[in-house]
Amino acid sequence: MRVFALAESLGAVESLAESPSLMTHASVPDEQRAKLGINDSLIRLSIGVESCRDLIDDLRNSLVVLVESMGGFK
């Protein structure tokens, strides 16, 4: 990801990507996180003021890299 920052919400205007189970909810017990639907594969996106096209392109490119790193779709 180039446009999205990997960070917890800082109350600013930039777009963010975060892993709640590792960041904002790391101190919450596993059982409680499971009840809340927060698992290790959850990614939270907060959309900022960047260009919509830049954000979409960034997500698309990131997903392509992810799929390729996993050997493609099966």
PDB file of N, CA and C in Angstrom:
ATOM      1  N   MET A   1       0.846  -1.176   0.000  1.00  0.00           N
ATOM      2  CA  MET A   1       0.000   0.000   0.000  1.00  0.00           C
ATOM      3  C   MET A   1       0.889   1.236   0.000  1.00  0.00           C
ATOM      4  N   ARG A   2       0.534   2.166  -0.831  1.00  0.00           N
ATOM      5  CA  ARG A   2       1.326   3.389  -0.941  1.00  0.00           C
ATOM      6  C   ARG A   2       0.551   4.614  -0.465  1.00  0.00           C
ATOM      7  N   VAL A   3      -0.759   4.627  -0.672  1.00  0.00           N
ATOM      8  CA  VAL A   3      -1.564   5.781  -0.269  1.00  0.00           C
ATOM      9  C   VAL A   3      -2.040   5.610   1.172  1.00  0.00           C
ATOM     10  N   PHE A   4      -2.547   4.424   1.491  1.00  0.00           N
ATOM     11  CA  PHE A   4      -3.023   4.152   2.848  1.00  0.00           C
ATOM     12  C   PHE A   4      -1.831   4.015   3.790  1.00  0.00           C
ATOM     13  N   ALA A   5      -1.936   4.608   4.964  1.00  0.00           N
ATOM     14  CA  ALA A   5      -0.909   4.448   5.993  1.00  0.00           C
ATOM     15  C   ALA A   5      -1.334   3.307   6.911  1.00  0.00           C
ATOM     16  N   LEU A   6      -0.387   2.489   7.338  1.00  0.00           N
ATOM     17  CA  LEU A   6      -0.664   1.433   8.304  1.00  0.00           C
ATOM     18  C   LEU A   6      -0.546   2.058   9.684  1.00  0.00           C
ATOM     19  N   ALA A   7      -1.693   2.395  10.278  1.00  0.00           N
ATOM     20  CA  ALA A   7      -1.690   3.100  11.562  1.00  0.00           C
ATOM     21  C   ALA A   7      -3.074   3.043  12.183  1.00  0.00           C
ATOM     22  N   GLU A   8      -3.110   3.270  13.492  1.00  0.00           N
ATOM     23  CA  GLU A   8      -4.382   3.447  14.174  1.00  0.00           C
ATOM     24  C   GLU A   8      -4.889   4.837  13.850  1.00  0.00           C
ATOM     25  N   SER A   9      -6.173   5.060  14.060  1.00  0.00           N
ATOM     26  CA  SER A   9      -6.750   6.368  13.760  1.00  0.00           C
ATOM     27  C   SER A   9      -6.063   7.445  14.576  1.00  0.00           C
ATOM     28  N   LEU A  10      -5.616   8.449  13.872  1.00  0.00           N
ATOM     29  CA  LEU A  10      -4.909   9.552  14.513  1.00  0.00           C
ATOM     30  C   LEU A  10      -5.764  10.813  14.534  1.00  0.00           C
ATOM     31  N   GLY A  11      -7.017  10.698  14.098  1.00  0.00           N
ATOM     32  CA  GLY A  11      -7.905  11.846  14.068  1.00  0.00           C
ATOM     33  C   GLY A  11      -7.554  12.836  12.981  1.00  0.00           C
ATOM     34  N   ALA A  12      -6.847  12.376  11.976  1.00  0.00           N
ATOM     35  CA  ALA A  12      -6.433  13.260  10.890  1.00  0.00           C
ATOM     36  C   ALA A  12      -7.242  12.924   9.636  1.00  0.00           C
ATOM     37  N   VAL A  13      -6.801  13.422   8.495  1.00  0.00           N
ATOM     38  CA  VAL A  13      -7.578  13.285   7.268  1.00  0.00           C
ATOM     39  C   VAL A  13      -7.005  12.275   6.277  1.00  0.00           C
ATOM     40  N   GLU A  14      -5.913  11.595   6.617  1.00  0.00           N
ATOM     41  CA  GLU A  14      -5.333  10.641   5.681  1.00  0.00           C
ATOM     42  C   GLU A  14      -6.019   9.282   5.790  1.00  0.00           C
ATOM     43  N   SER A  15      -5.954   8.527   4.709  1.00  0.00           N
ATOM     44  CA  SER A  15      -6.533   7.190   4.681  1.00  0.00           C
ATOM     45  C   SER A  15      -5.631   6.226   5.437  1.00  0.00           C
ATOM     46  N   LEU A  16      -6.265   5.327   6.182  1.00  0.00           N
ATOM     47  CA  LEU A  16      -5.525   4.402   7.032  1.00  0.00           C
ATOM     48  C   LEU A  16      -5.986   2.969   6.806  1.00  0.00           C
ATOM     49  N   ALA A  17      -5.087   2.042   7.011  1.00  0.00           N
ATOM     50  CA  ALA A  17      -5.401   0.617   7.059  1.00  0.00           C
ATOM     51  C   ALA A  17      -4.870   0.123   8.394  1.00  0.00           C
ATOM     52  N   GLU A  18      -5.684  -0.655   9.095  1.00  0.00           N
ATOM     53  CA  GLU A  18      -5.222  -1.177  10.378  1.00  0.00           C
ATOM     54  C   GLU A  18      -5.720  -2.593  10.586  1.00  0.00           C
ATOM     55  N   SER A  19      -5.012  -3.296  11.425  1.00  0.00           N
ATOM     56  CA  SER A  19      -5.390  -4.635  11.847  1.00  0.00           C
ATOM     57  C   SER A  19      -5.874  -4.514  13.290  1.00  0.00           C
ATOM     58  N   PRO A  20      -7.197  -4.435  13.505  1.00  0.00           N
ATOM     59  CA  PRO A  20      -7.710  -4.225  14.860  1.00  0.00           C
ATOM     60  C   PRO A  20      -7.213  -5.244  15.884  1.00  0.00           C
ATOM     61  N   SER A  21      -7.066  -6.515  15.476  1.00  0.00           N
ATOM     62  CA  SER A  21      -6.637  -7.529  16.446  1.00  0.00           C
ATOM     63  C   SER A  21      -5.213  -7.296  16.933  1.00  0.00           C
ATOM     64  N   LEU A  22      -4.408  -6.609  16.134  1.00  0.00           N
ATOM     65  CA  LEU A  22      -3.024  -6.319  16.520  1.00  0.00           C
ATOM     66  C   LEU A  22      -2.834  -4.898  17.031  1.00  0.00           C
ATOM     67  N   MET A  23      -3.797  -4.036  16.770  1.00  0.00           N
ATOM     68  CA  MET A  23      -3.614  -2.625  17.089  1.00  0.00           C
ATOM     69  C   MET A  23      -4.634  -2.162  18.134  1.00  0.00           C
ATOM     70  N   THR A  24      -5.792  -1.722  17.706  1.00  0.00           N
ATOM     71  CA  THR A  24      -6.754  -1.102  18.625  1.00  0.00           C
ATOM     72  C   THR A  24      -7.347  -2.068  19.639  1.00  0.00           C
ATOM     73  N   HIS A  25      -7.445  -3.348  19.308  1.00  0.00           N
ATOM     74  CA  HIS A  25      -8.070  -4.320  20.206  1.00  0.00           C
ATOM     75  C   HIS A  25      -7.089  -5.387  20.697  1.00  0.00           C
ATOM     76  N   ALA A  26      -5.810  -5.088  20.655  1.00  0.00           N
ATOM     77  CA  ALA A  26      -4.799  -6.069  21.068  1.00  0.00           C
ATOM     78  C   ALA A  26      -4.958  -6.488  22.526  1.00  0.00           C
ATOM     79  N   SER A  27      -5.443  -5.590  23.364  1.00  0.00           N
ATOM     80  CA  SER A  27      -5.576  -5.905  24.794  1.00  0.00           C
ATOM     81  C   SER A  27      -6.896  -6.605  25.129  1.00  0.00           C
ATOM     82  N   VAL A  28      -7.782  -6.742  24.153  1.00  0.00           N
ATOM     83  CA  VAL A  28      -9.065  -7.412  24.369  1.00  0.00           C
ATOM     84  C   VAL A  28      -8.833  -8.922  24.284  1.00  0.00           C
ATOM     85  N   PRO A  29      -9.347  -9.681  25.254  1.00  0.00           N
ATOM     86  CA  PRO A  29      -9.159 -11.137  25.231  1.00  0.00           C
ATOM     87  C   PRO A  29      -9.687 -11.759  23.930  1.00  0.00           C
ATOM     88  N   ASP A  30      -9.033 -12.829  23.479  1.00  0.00           N
ATOM     89  CA  ASP A  30      -9.395 -13.499  22.222  1.00  0.00           C
ATOM     90  C   ASP A  30     -10.880 -13.847  22.158  1.00  0.00           C
ATOM     91  N   GLU A  31     -11.421 -14.370  23.248  1.00  0.00           N
ATOM     92  CA  GLU A  31     -12.828 -14.781  23.268  1.00  0.00           C
ATOM     93  C   GLU A  31     -13.755 -13.591  23.014  1.00  0.00           C
ATOM     94  N   GLN A  32     -13.453 -12.463  23.625  1.00  0.00           N
ATOM     95  CA  GLN A  32     -14.269 -11.261  23.432  1.00  0.00           C
ATOM     96  C   GLN A  32     -14.127 -10.728  22.004  1.00  0.00           C
ATOM     97  N   ARG A  33     -12.897 -10.750  21.479  1.00  0.00           N
ATOM     98  CA  ARG A  33     -12.690 -10.310  20.091  1.00  0.00           C
ATOM     99  C   ARG A  33     -13.491 -11.185  19.135  1.00  0.00           C
ATOM    100  N   ALA A  34     -13.510 -12.486  19.391  1.00  0.00           N
ATOM    101  CA  ALA A  34     -14.267 -13.401  18.531  1.00  0.00           C
ATOM    102  C   ALA A  34     -15.755 -13.056  18.561  1.00  0.00           C
ATOM    103  N   LYS A  35     -16.281 -12.752  19.731  1.00  0.00           N
ATOM    104  CA  LYS A  35     -17.693 -12.367  19.845  1.00  0.00           C
ATOM    105  C   LYS A  35     -17.983 -11.086  19.074  1.00  0.00           C
ATOM    106  N   LEU A  36     -17.003 -10.216  18.987  1.00  0.00           N
ATOM    107  CA  LEU A  36     -17.155  -8.944  18.278  1.00  0.00           C
ATOM    108  C   LEU A  36     -16.886  -9.073  16.780  1.00  0.00           C
ATOM    109  N   GLY A  37     -16.456 -10.263  16.349  1.00  0.00           N
ATOM    110  CA  GLY A  37     -16.150 -10.469  14.935  1.00  0.00           C
ATOM    111  C   GLY A  37     -14.799  -9.917  14.523  1.00  0.00           C
ATOM    112  N   ILE A  38     -13.925  -9.726  15.499  1.00  0.00           N
ATOM    113  CA  ILE A  38     -12.589  -9.192  15.218  1.00  0.00           C
ATOM    114  C   ILE A  38     -11.605 -10.353  15.216  1.00  0.00           C
ATOM    115  N   ASN A  39     -11.199 -10.778  14.012  1.00  0.00           N
ATOM    116  CA  ASN A  39     -10.233 -11.865  13.918  1.00  0.00           C
ATOM    117  C   ASN A  39      -8.943 -11.348  13.292  1.00  0.00           C
ATOM    118  N   ASP A  40      -7.946 -12.218  13.230  1.00  0.00           N
ATOM    119  CA  ASP A  40      -6.624 -11.797  12.752  1.00  0.00           C
ATOM    120  C   ASP A  40      -6.600 -11.402  11.276  1.00  0.00           C
ATOM    121  N   SER A  41      -7.611 -11.793  10.511  1.00  0.00           N
ATOM    122  CA  SER A  41      -7.621 -11.442   9.087  1.00  0.00           C
ATOM    123  C   SER A  41      -8.421 -10.173   8.782  1.00  0.00           C
ATOM    124  N   LEU A  42      -9.027  -9.584   9.805  1.00  0.00           N
ATOM    125  CA  LEU A  42      -9.815  -8.362   9.608  1.00  0.00           C
ATOM    126  C   LEU A  42      -8.905  -7.163   9.361  1.00  0.00           C
ATOM    127  N   ILE A  43      -9.231  -6.403   8.338  1.00  0.00           N
ATOM    128  CA  ILE A  43      -8.520  -5.157   8.047  1.00  0.00           C
ATOM    129  C   ILE A  43      -9.549  -4.042   8.028  1.00  0.00           C
ATOM    130  N   ARG A  44      -9.290  -2.995   8.777  1.00  0.00           N
ATOM    131  CA  ARG A  44     -10.184  -1.837   8.805  1.00  0.00           C
ATOM    132  C   ARG A  44      -9.580  -0.743   7.936  1.00  0.00           C
ATOM    133  N   LEU A  45     -10.388  -0.227   7.018  1.00  0.00           N
ATOM    134  CA  LEU A  45      -9.957   0.884   6.183  1.00  0.00           C
ATOM    135  C   LEU A  45     -10.702   2.138   6.613  1.00  0.00           C
ATOM    136  N   SER A  46      -9.969   3.205   6.825  1.00  0.00           N
ATOM    137  CA  SER A  46     -10.547   4.518   7.095  1.00  0.00           C
ATOM    138  C   SER A  46     -10.191   5.388   5.899  1.00  0.00           C
ATOM    139  N   ILE A  47     -11.210   5.901   5.243  1.00  0.00           N
ATOM    140  CA  ILE A  47     -11.004   6.662   4.012  1.00  0.00           C
ATOM    141  C   ILE A  47     -10.813   8.138   4.333  1.00  0.00           C
ATOM    142  N   GLY A  48      -9.749   8.704   3.794  1.00  0.00           N
ATOM    143  CA  GLY A  48      -9.437  10.109   4.024  1.00  0.00           C
ATOM    144  C   GLY A  48      -9.815  10.979   2.838  1.00  0.00           C
ATOM    145  N   VAL A  49      -9.055  12.025   2.635  1.00  0.00           N
ATOM    146  CA  VAL A  49      -9.391  13.022   1.618  1.00  0.00           C
ATOM    147  C   VAL A  49      -8.609  12.853   0.312  1.00  0.00           C
ATOM    148  N   GLU A  50      -7.858  11.786   0.188  1.00  0.00           N
ATOM    149  CA  GLU A  50      -7.099  11.572  -1.035  1.00  0.00           C
ATOM    150  C   GLU A  50      -8.051  11.329  -2.211  1.00  0.00           C
ATOM    151  N   SER A  51      -7.514  11.389  -3.394  1.00  0.00           N
ATOM    152  CA  SER A  51      -8.281  11.141  -4.614  1.00  0.00           C
ATOM    153  C   SER A  51      -8.892   9.738  -4.581  1.00  0.00           C
ATOM    154  N   CYS A  52     -10.167   9.645  -4.922  1.00  0.00           N
ATOM    155  CA  CYS A  52     -10.833   8.334  -4.979  1.00  0.00           C
ATOM    156  C   CYS A  52     -10.092   7.394  -5.918  1.00  0.00           C
ATOM    157  N   ARG A  53      -9.672   7.894  -7.053  1.00  0.00           N
ATOM    158  CA  ARG A  53      -8.950   7.072  -8.029  1.00  0.00           C
ATOM    159  C   ARG A  53      -7.655   6.540  -7.418  1.00  0.00           C
ATOM    160  N   ASP A  54      -6.912   7.394  -6.690  1.00  0.00           N
ATOM    161  CA  ASP A  54      -5.666   6.950  -6.055  1.00  0.00           C
ATOM    162  C   ASP A  54      -5.938   5.855  -5.029  1.00  0.00           C
ATOM    163  N   LEU A  55      -7.008   6.006  -4.250  1.00  0.00           N
ATOM    164  CA  LEU A  55      -7.341   5.013  -3.225  1.00  0.00           C
ATOM    165  C   LEU A  55      -7.738   3.682  -3.867  1.00  0.00           C
ATOM    166  N   ILE A  56      -8.576   3.743  -4.888  1.00  0.00           N
ATOM    167  CA  ILE A  56      -9.006   2.521  -5.575  1.00  0.00           C
ATOM    168  C   ILE A  56      -7.818   1.823  -6.222  1.00  0.00           C
ATOM    169  N   ASP A  57      -6.975   2.585  -6.890  1.00  0.00           N
ATOM    170  CA  ASP A  57      -5.787   2.000  -7.527  1.00  0.00           C
ATOM    171  C   ASP A  57      -4.862   1.371  -6.492  1.00  0.00           C
ATOM    172  N   ASP A  58      -4.697   2.024  -5.350  1.00  0.00           N
ATOM    173  CA  ASP A  58      -3.835   1.504  -4.292  1.00  0.00           C
ATOM    174  C   ASP A  58      -4.385   0.181  -3.759  1.00  0.00           C
ATOM    175  N   LEU A  59      -5.684   0.125  -3.510  1.00  0.00           N
ATOM    176  CA  LEU A  59      -6.299  -1.114  -3.032  1.00  0.00           C
ATOM    177  C   LEU A  59      -6.194  -2.217  -4.084  1.00  0.00           C
ATOM    178  N   ARG A  60      -6.471  -1.875  -5.332  1.00  0.00           N
ATOM    179  CA  ARG A  60      -6.392  -2.869  -6.411  1.00  0.00           C
ATOM    180  C   ARG A  60      -4.976  -3.441  -6.508  1.00  0.00           C
ATOM    181  N   ASN A  61      -3.990  -2.569  -6.535  1.00  0.00           N
ATOM    182  CA  ASN A  61      -2.601  -3.025  -6.644  1.00  0.00           C
ATOM    183  C   ASN A  61      -2.200  -3.878  -5.447  1.00  0.00           C
ATOM    184  N   SER A  62      -2.632  -3.491  -4.264  1.00  0.00           N
ATOM    185  CA  SER A  62      -2.306  -4.255  -3.056  1.00  0.00           C
ATOM    186  C   SER A  62      -2.943  -5.635  -3.096  1.00  0.00           C
ATOM    187  N   LEU A  63      -4.181  -5.714  -3.568  1.00  0.00           N
ATOM    188  CA  LEU A  63      -4.852  -7.011  -3.663  1.00  0.00           C
ATOM    189  C   LEU A  63      -4.201  -7.904  -4.715  1.00  0.00           C
ATOM    190  N   VAL A  64      -3.755  -7.330  -5.808  1.00  0.00           N
ATOM    191  CA  VAL A  64      -3.047  -8.107  -6.833  1.00  0.00           C
ATOM    192  C   VAL A  64      -1.775  -8.706  -6.242  1.00  0.00           C
ATOM    193  N   VAL A  65      -1.014  -7.905  -5.514  1.00  0.00           N
ATOM    194  CA  VAL A  65       0.219  -8.389  -4.884  1.00  0.00           C
ATOM    195  C   VAL A  65      -0.104  -9.511  -3.893  1.00  0.00           C
ATOM    196  N   LEU A  66      -1.155  -9.342  -3.107  1.00  0.00           N
ATOM    197  CA  LEU A  66      -1.548 -10.361  -2.135  1.00  0.00           C
ATOM    198  C   LEU A  66      -1.908 -11.671  -2.828  1.00  0.00           C
ATOM    199  N   VAL A  67      -2.758 -11.592  -3.834  1.00  0.00           N
ATOM    200  CA  VAL A  67      -3.184 -12.801  -4.546  1.00  0.00           C
ATOM    201  C   VAL A  67      -1.990 -13.488  -5.204  1.00  0.00           C
ATOM    202  N   GLU A  68      -1.113 -12.714  -5.830  1.00  0.00           N
ATOM    203  CA  GLU A  68       0.070 -13.304  -6.462  1.00  0.00           C
ATOM    204  C   GLU A  68       0.978 -13.966  -5.436  1.00  0.00           C
ATOM    205  N   SER A  69       1.100 -13.369  -4.250  1.00  0.00           N
ATOM    206  CA  SER A  69       1.962 -13.947  -3.213  1.00  0.00           C
ATOM    207  C   SER A  69       1.395 -15.255  -2.667  1.00  0.00           C
ATOM    208  N   MET A  70       0.087 -15.452  -2.859  1.00  0.00           N
ATOM    209  CA  MET A  70      -0.573 -16.670  -2.393  1.00  0.00           C
ATOM    210  C   MET A  70      -0.702 -17.707  -3.507  1.00  0.00           C
ATOM    211  N   GLY A  71      -0.098 -17.439  -4.648  1.00  0.00           N
ATOM    212  CA  GLY A  71      -0.147 -18.394  -5.752  1.00  0.00           C
ATOM    213  C   GLY A  71      -1.348 -18.229  -6.658  1.00  0.00           C
ATOM    214  N   GLY A  72      -2.036 -17.110  -6.563  1.00  0.00           N
ATOM    215  CA  GLY A  72      -3.188 -16.846  -7.426  1.00  0.00           C
ATOM    216  C   GLY A  72      -4.474 -17.399  -6.858  1.00  0.00           C
ATOM    217  N   PHE A  73      -5.552 -17.178  -7.598  1.00  0.00           N
ATOM    218  CA  PHE A  73      -6.861 -17.705  -7.198  1.00  0.00           C
ATOM    219  C   PHE A  73      -6.922 -19.185  -7.516  1.00  0.00           C
ATOM    220  N   LYS A  74      -7.598 -19.925  -6.654  1.00  0.00           N
ATOM    221  CA  LYS A  74      -7.726 -21.374  -6.869  1.00  0.00           C
ATOM    222  C   LYS A  74      -9.170 -21.770  -6.885  1.00  0.00           C
TER     223      LYS A  74
END
